[in-house]
Amino acid sequence: MIMQEEYSFNSADGHSVIHCRKWIPKGEPVAVLQLVHGMLEYIERYDEFATFLAEKGYVVVGHDHIGHGHSVASDDELGVMTGVHPSDDMVEDIYTHYSITRKAYPALKYFILGHSMGSYMVRKFLSVKSAYIEAMSGAIIMGTGQETAATCNGGLAVIKLISLFRGKNYRSTLVRDMSYSAPYKKYDCLGKDYGNSWLTKNVEEVERYYHDKYCTFLFTVNAYKGLAEAVKYDGTAECVAKMRSSMPLLVVSGDSDPVGNLGVGTTAVYEAFRKGGIKDTTLKLYKGDRHEILHEMDREQVFADLYQWMEAHR
């Protein structure tokens, strides 16, 4: 059995207590991976992958974002982010967890993986915290996409208008539905058809997801604002320019993932990194896989590929 530890730290939002989990290998650890989860989920969903890596000697850490999982005081706080710029708070929390873990394992190679919303936060983190993470050995950008500034500005304008009349903690199905752009239309996005879910072809995992209270809440408009602001920033040349050019990056997704516009947006992210001067950038698209490649039918191959990439960079 792989040992696990739970711990916490105070969030940058000024009131949340961030719940953390660590998977600890039996023998001498060989490297560290920090996981950054996506929207409407929590770090325990990564147990299978984290255990796989821990069995190979990796220390794996992760935390539940503000408004997610066990980082809330009550279920009413699920999906709630109160900060003026919630993505700044999430990025700061990622850095806090990095600092805690780096202090505990100063000699080990250190990797970070961000999935979905977590991928956008990690991209921002790698940019705005570049001067403070020289020890980072590589980053895996998973389930990500690229949106235009016009698309983000349109969403932010609607969010601002709703916030003005309903308040920033209003939960809007309109904003949720707006986030499901054209590539989502071929899939079920609301848990009504498990076999055609945008998440994964793994029906058992989809059913488990939609029966989990930590995955089925609705974001407040302020939480959506935080996500939209990060997506907008990540699409700028400034974001890439501030990243360390020597940082190894693996951009990975399913080629049927609507978040990455069925591979088109994911490829655009890869090309932006390359154009921005990050030469050690690799793109991997899994044929037929949807959004959650760590829960897909071919996840064992995905696990092995991610492990091999990290091994090649440590």
Protein backbone atom coordinates (compact mmCIF):
# COMPACT_ATOMS: atom_id res chain seq x y z
CA MET A 1 0.00 0.00 0.00
CA ILE A 2 1.18 3.50 -0.86
CA MET A 3 1.08 5.81 2.14
CA GLN A 4 -0.97 9.00 1.90
CA GLU A 5 -0.90 12.14 4.01
CA GLU A 6 -3.39 14.97 4.28
CA TYR A 7 -2.48 18.50 5.31
CA SER A 8 -3.59 22.07 4.65
CA PHE A 9 -2.52 25.68 4.24
CA ASN A 10 -4.30 29.04 4.24
CA SER A 11 -5.42 30.21 0.80
CA ALA A 12 -4.46 33.48 -0.81
CA ASP A 13 -8.17 34.36 -0.86
CA GLY A 14 -7.91 35.21 2.83
CA HIS A 15 -10.42 32.74 4.25
CA SER A 16 -10.28 29.30 2.60
CA VAL A 17 -8.24 26.47 4.08
CA ILE A 18 -6.74 24.49 1.22
CA HIS A 19 -6.92 20.71 1.57
CA CYS A 20 -3.84 18.83 0.32
CA ARG A 21 -2.97 15.22 -0.30
CA LYS A 22 0.41 13.52 -0.72
CA TRP A 23 1.19 10.06 -2.09
CA ILE A 24 4.47 8.77 -0.64
CA PRO A 25 6.58 5.99 -2.19
CA LYS A 26 7.82 3.14 0.00
CA GLY A 27 11.51 3.57 -0.74
CA GLU A 28 13.76 6.52 -1.44
CA PRO A 29 11.85 9.03 -3.61
CA VAL A 30 13.24 9.83 -7.05
CA ALA A 31 11.21 12.90 -8.08
CA VAL A 32 8.16 15.02 -7.27
CA LEU A 33 5.00 15.66 -9.29
CA GLN A 34 2.54 18.37 -8.28
CA LEU A 35 -0.97 17.82 -9.66
CA VAL A 36 -3.33 20.73 -10.36
CA HIS A 37 -6.88 19.51 -10.94
CA GLY A 38 -9.62 20.88 -13.14
CA MET A 39 -12.98 22.57 -12.70
CA LEU A 40 -15.74 20.68 -10.87
CA GLU A 41 -13.52 17.95 -9.48
CA TYR A 42 -11.00 17.37 -6.68
CA ILE A 43 -7.59 15.88 -6.10
CA GLU A 44 -8.76 12.43 -4.94
CA ARG A 45 -9.93 11.71 -8.50
CA TYR A 46 -6.23 11.40 -9.38
CA ASP A 47 -5.61 8.53 -6.97
CA GLU A 48 -5.04 5.84 -9.62
CA PHE A 49 -2.47 7.91 -11.51
CA ALA A 50 -0.79 9.18 -8.34
CA THR A 51 -0.53 5.64 -6.96
CA PHE A 52 0.98 4.45 -10.25
CA LEU A 53 3.71 7.08 -9.97
CA ALA A 54 4.28 6.55 -6.25
CA GLU A 55 4.92 2.88 -6.96
CA LYS A 56 7.70 4.05 -9.27
CA GLY A 57 9.26 6.26 -6.61
CA TYR A 58 7.55 9.59 -7.23
CA VAL A 59 6.23 11.78 -4.44
CA VAL A 60 2.90 13.10 -5.75
CA VAL A 61 1.13 16.08 -4.20
CA GLY A 62 -2.03 17.98 -5.03
CA HIS A 63 -4.68 20.17 -3.46
CA ASP A 64 -8.33 21.06 -3.88
CA HIS A 65 -8.76 24.53 -5.38
CA ILE A 66 -10.75 27.29 -3.73
CA GLY A 67 -14.43 26.33 -3.96
CA HIS A 68 -13.65 22.67 -4.62
CA GLY A 69 -13.50 19.34 -2.80
CA HIS A 70 -12.49 19.53 0.84
CA SER A 71 -11.24 23.11 0.63
CA VAL A 72 -14.76 24.33 1.46
CA ALA A 73 -16.24 24.74 4.93
CA SER A 74 -19.66 23.55 3.72
CA ASP A 75 -21.29 22.28 0.54
CA ASP A 76 -22.78 25.76 0.00
CA GLU A 77 -19.25 27.00 -0.77
CA LEU A 78 -18.71 24.57 -3.66
CA GLY A 79 -18.15 26.66 -6.78
CA VAL A 80 -17.75 29.89 -4.81
CA MET A 81 -14.68 32.09 -5.31
CA THR A 82 -14.83 35.44 -3.55
CA GLY A 83 -11.61 37.14 -4.66
CA VAL A 84 -11.48 40.13 -7.00
CA HIS A 85 -9.35 38.05 -9.39
CA PRO A 86 -9.86 34.39 -8.43
CA SER A 87 -7.25 33.07 -10.86
CA ASP A 88 -4.61 35.12 -9.05
CA ASP A 89 -5.61 33.41 -5.80
CA MET A 90 -5.48 29.96 -7.40
CA VAL A 91 -2.06 30.65 -8.91
CA GLU A 92 -0.79 31.89 -5.56
CA ASP A 93 -2.09 28.70 -3.90
CA ILE A 94 -0.26 26.60 -6.49
CA TYR A 95 2.90 28.51 -5.64
CA THR A 96 2.36 28.08 -1.89
CA HIS A 97 2.00 24.32 -2.33
CA TYR A 98 5.06 24.28 -4.59
CA SER A 99 7.07 26.13 -1.92
CA ILE A 100 5.96 23.76 0.85
CA THR A 101 6.81 20.69 -1.22
CA ARG A 102 10.06 22.06 -2.59
CA LYS A 103 11.24 22.78 0.96
CA ALA A 104 10.48 19.17 1.93
CA TYR A 105 12.29 17.69 -1.10
CA PRO A 106 14.95 20.25 -2.13
CA ALA A 107 17.20 17.78 -3.95
CA LEU A 108 14.58 16.08 -6.15
CA LYS A 109 13.59 16.93 -9.70
CA TYR A 110 10.20 18.66 -9.60
CA PHE A 111 7.43 18.44 -12.20
CA ILE A 112 3.95 19.94 -12.36
CA LEU A 113 0.83 18.74 -14.23
CA GLY A 114 -2.25 20.87 -14.80
CA HIS A 115 -5.46 19.39 -16.22
CA SER A 116 -8.32 21.37 -17.81
CA MET A 117 -8.91 24.48 -15.65
CA GLY A 118 -5.75 23.41 -13.87
CA SER A 119 -3.87 23.57 -17.18
CA TYR A 120 -4.84 27.22 -17.59
CA MET A 121 -3.78 27.98 -14.02
CA VAL A 122 -0.45 26.18 -14.51
CA ARG A 123 0.21 28.10 -17.74
CA LYS A 124 -0.37 31.35 -15.85
CA PHE A 125 1.71 30.07 -12.92
CA LEU A 126 4.66 29.21 -15.19
CA SER A 127 4.48 32.75 -16.56
CA VAL A 128 3.90 35.04 -13.58
CA LYS A 129 5.98 32.96 -11.14
CA SER A 130 8.80 32.20 -13.57
CA ALA A 131 11.46 33.97 -11.50
CA TYR A 132 10.60 31.91 -8.42
CA ILE A 133 10.49 28.40 -9.88
CA GLU A 134 13.96 27.92 -11.34
CA ALA A 135 13.99 24.44 -9.80
CA MET A 136 11.02 23.28 -11.91
CA SER A 137 12.17 20.46 -14.18
CA GLY A 138 9.18 20.35 -16.51
CA ALA A 139 5.44 20.86 -16.89
CA ILE A 140 2.65 18.77 -18.38
CA ILE A 141 -0.19 20.82 -19.86
CA MET A 142 -3.17 18.47 -20.15
CA GLY A 143 -6.66 18.99 -21.56
CA THR A 144 -6.00 22.61 -22.47
CA GLY A 145 -7.16 24.91 -25.25
CA GLN A 146 -6.71 28.34 -26.80
CA GLU A 147 -9.43 30.98 -26.99
CA THR A 148 -9.35 34.40 -28.63
CA ALA A 149 -9.33 37.59 -26.60
CA ALA A 150 -12.65 38.50 -28.24
CA THR A 151 -14.30 35.29 -27.00
CA CYS A 152 -12.97 35.83 -23.48
CA ASN A 153 -13.97 39.50 -23.45
CA GLY A 154 -17.48 38.59 -24.56
CA GLY A 155 -17.83 36.11 -21.72
CA LEU A 156 -16.38 38.55 -19.20
CA ALA A 157 -18.84 41.23 -20.33
CA VAL A 158 -21.80 38.91 -19.72
CA ILE A 159 -20.36 37.93 -16.33
CA LYS A 160 -19.92 41.59 -15.38
CA LEU A 161 -23.51 42.38 -16.35
CA ILE A 162 -24.96 39.44 -14.41
CA SER A 163 -22.80 40.30 -11.40
CA LEU A 164 -24.08 43.86 -11.47
CA PHE A 165 -27.72 42.78 -11.23
CA ARG A 166 -27.49 39.43 -9.41
CA GLY A 167 -24.27 39.67 -7.42
CA LYS A 168 -20.95 37.91 -7.91
CA ASN A 169 -22.10 34.75 -6.11
CA TYR A 170 -25.02 34.15 -8.48
CA ARG A 171 -24.96 30.75 -10.19
CA SER A 172 -25.82 31.21 -13.85
CA THR A 173 -26.84 28.38 -16.17
CA LEU A 174 -26.52 30.92 -19.01
CA VAL A 175 -22.81 31.39 -18.37
CA ARG A 176 -22.38 27.64 -18.00
CA ASP A 177 -24.09 26.98 -21.32
CA MET A 178 -22.06 29.74 -23.01
CA SER A 179 -18.90 27.89 -22.01
CA TYR A 180 -20.00 24.88 -24.09
CA SER A 181 -18.83 26.12 -27.49
CA ALA A 182 -19.36 24.43 -30.87
CA PRO A 183 -16.99 21.45 -30.33
CA TYR A 184 -19.11 20.36 -27.35
CA LYS A 185 -22.30 20.05 -29.41
CA LYS A 186 -21.61 16.46 -30.47
CA TYR A 187 -21.47 15.37 -26.81
CA ASP A 188 -23.67 15.23 -23.74
CA CYS A 189 -22.46 17.87 -21.28
CA LEU A 190 -25.04 17.51 -18.51
CA GLY A 191 -24.84 13.87 -17.48
CA LYS A 192 -27.91 12.66 -19.38
CA ASP A 193 -26.14 10.23 -21.73
CA TYR A 194 -23.16 8.58 -20.07
CA GLY A 195 -22.11 6.84 -23.26
CA ASN A 196 -21.75 10.11 -25.17
CA SER A 197 -20.13 12.23 -22.48
CA TRP A 198 -17.58 14.87 -23.39
CA LEU A 199 -15.50 13.71 -20.42
CA THR A 200 -14.42 10.20 -21.44
CA LYS A 201 -15.58 7.04 -23.22
CA ASN A 202 -15.24 5.25 -19.88
CA VAL A 203 -18.94 4.95 -18.96
CA GLU A 204 -18.26 3.72 -15.41
CA GLU A 205 -16.13 6.78 -14.71
CA VAL A 206 -18.74 9.12 -16.20
CA GLU A 207 -21.45 7.58 -14.03
CA ARG A 208 -19.22 7.90 -10.97
CA TYR A 209 -18.56 11.56 -11.82
CA TYR A 210 -22.21 12.54 -12.13
CA HIS A 211 -23.08 10.84 -8.82
CA ASP A 212 -20.38 12.76 -6.94
CA LYS A 213 -21.46 15.95 -5.16
CA TYR A 214 -17.94 17.32 -5.55
CA CYS A 215 -18.31 17.21 -9.35
CA THR A 216 -21.88 18.33 -9.97
CA PHE A 217 -22.19 21.83 -8.52
CA LEU A 218 -22.50 25.05 -10.54
CA PHE A 219 -19.84 27.76 -10.57
CA THR A 220 -20.72 31.26 -9.42
CA VAL A 221 -20.25 33.99 -12.01
CA ASN A 222 -17.21 35.23 -10.08
CA ALA A 223 -15.61 31.79 -10.32
CA TYR A 224 -16.25 31.82 -14.07
CA LYS A 225 -14.64 35.26 -14.15
CA GLY A 226 -11.49 33.78 -12.64
CA LEU A 227 -11.36 31.03 -15.24
CA ALA A 228 -12.04 33.41 -18.14
CA GLU A 229 -9.35 35.84 -17.00
CA ALA A 230 -6.77 33.04 -16.89
CA VAL A 231 -7.79 31.70 -20.31
CA LYS A 232 -7.51 35.22 -21.75
CA TYR A 233 -4.05 35.81 -20.25
CA ASP A 234 -2.78 32.41 -21.38
CA GLY A 235 -3.62 33.28 -24.97
CA THR A 236 -1.33 36.31 -25.02
CA ALA A 237 2.23 36.48 -26.30
CA GLU A 238 3.15 38.04 -22.95
CA CYS A 239 2.22 34.85 -21.11
CA VAL A 240 4.65 32.74 -23.12
CA ALA A 241 7.34 35.43 -23.21
CA LYS A 242 7.54 35.46 -19.41
CA MET A 243 7.97 31.68 -19.18
CA ARG A 244 11.45 30.23 -18.78
CA SER A 245 12.55 29.36 -22.30
CA SER A 246 14.45 26.29 -21.06
CA MET A 247 11.36 24.79 -19.38
CA PRO A 248 10.51 21.38 -20.89
CA LEU A 249 6.80 21.23 -21.72
CA LEU A 250 4.53 18.35 -22.69
CA VAL A 251 1.20 19.40 -24.20
CA VAL A 252 -1.11 16.40 -24.10
CA SER A 253 -4.79 15.78 -24.81
CA GLY A 254 -7.31 13.58 -26.53
CA ASP A 255 -7.90 14.51 -30.15
CA SER A 256 -11.66 14.35 -29.46
CA ASP A 257 -11.50 16.73 -26.48
CA PRO A 258 -13.83 19.71 -27.00
CA VAL A 259 -11.81 21.88 -24.59
CA GLY A 260 -8.97 21.71 -27.10
CA ASN A 261 -11.36 22.15 -30.05
CA LEU A 262 -10.85 18.51 -31.01
CA GLY A 263 -7.08 18.93 -31.16
CA VAL A 264 -6.99 22.23 -33.05
CA GLY A 265 -6.77 24.45 -29.97
CA THR A 266 -4.34 22.12 -28.23
CA THR A 267 -2.07 22.23 -31.26
CA ALA A 268 -2.31 26.03 -31.24
CA VAL A 269 -1.05 26.07 -27.64
CA TYR A 270 1.90 23.88 -28.63
CA GLU A 271 2.69 26.14 -31.57
CA ALA A 272 2.49 29.25 -29.36
CA PHE A 273 5.03 27.73 -26.98
CA ARG A 274 7.36 26.89 -29.86
CA LYS A 275 6.95 30.32 -31.44
CA GLY A 276 7.65 31.91 -28.05
CA GLY A 277 11.04 30.23 -27.88
CA ILE A 278 10.31 27.22 -25.67
CA LYS A 279 12.17 24.67 -27.79
CA ASP A 280 11.76 21.56 -25.63
CA THR A 281 8.02 21.36 -26.23
CA THR A 282 6.28 18.11 -27.16
CA LEU A 283 2.72 17.59 -28.42
CA LYS A 284 0.88 14.31 -27.88
CA LEU A 285 -2.73 13.76 -28.99
CA TYR A 286 -4.45 10.45 -28.19
CA LYS A 287 -6.65 9.28 -31.04
CA GLY A 288 -10.31 9.02 -30.05
CA ASP A 289 -9.75 10.13 -26.46
CA ARG A 290 -11.95 12.83 -25.00
CA HIS A 291 -11.26 15.28 -22.17
CA GLU A 292 -10.13 13.17 -19.22
CA ILE A 293 -7.30 11.09 -20.62
CA LEU A 294 -6.32 9.94 -17.11
CA HIS A 295 -9.74 8.24 -16.95
CA GLU A 296 -9.91 7.00 -20.55
CA MET A 297 -9.98 3.39 -21.69
CA ASP A 298 -6.30 3.63 -22.71
CA ARG A 299 -5.23 5.34 -19.48
CA GLU A 300 -2.53 2.75 -18.76
CA GLN A 301 -0.76 3.85 -21.93
CA VAL A 302 -1.25 7.49 -20.95
CA PHE A 303 0.21 6.82 -17.49
CA ALA A 304 3.24 5.12 -19.05
CA ASP A 305 3.82 7.92 -21.57
CA LEU A 306 3.70 10.65 -18.92
CA TYR A 307 6.04 8.69 -16.67
CA GLN A 308 8.49 8.10 -19.50
CA TRP A 309 8.50 11.80 -20.42
CA MET A 310 9.30 12.80 -16.84
CA GLU A 311 11.98 10.12 -16.59
CA ALA A 312 13.60 11.51 -19.74
CA HIS A 313 13.76 14.94 -18.10
CA ARG A 314 15.08 14.10 -14.65
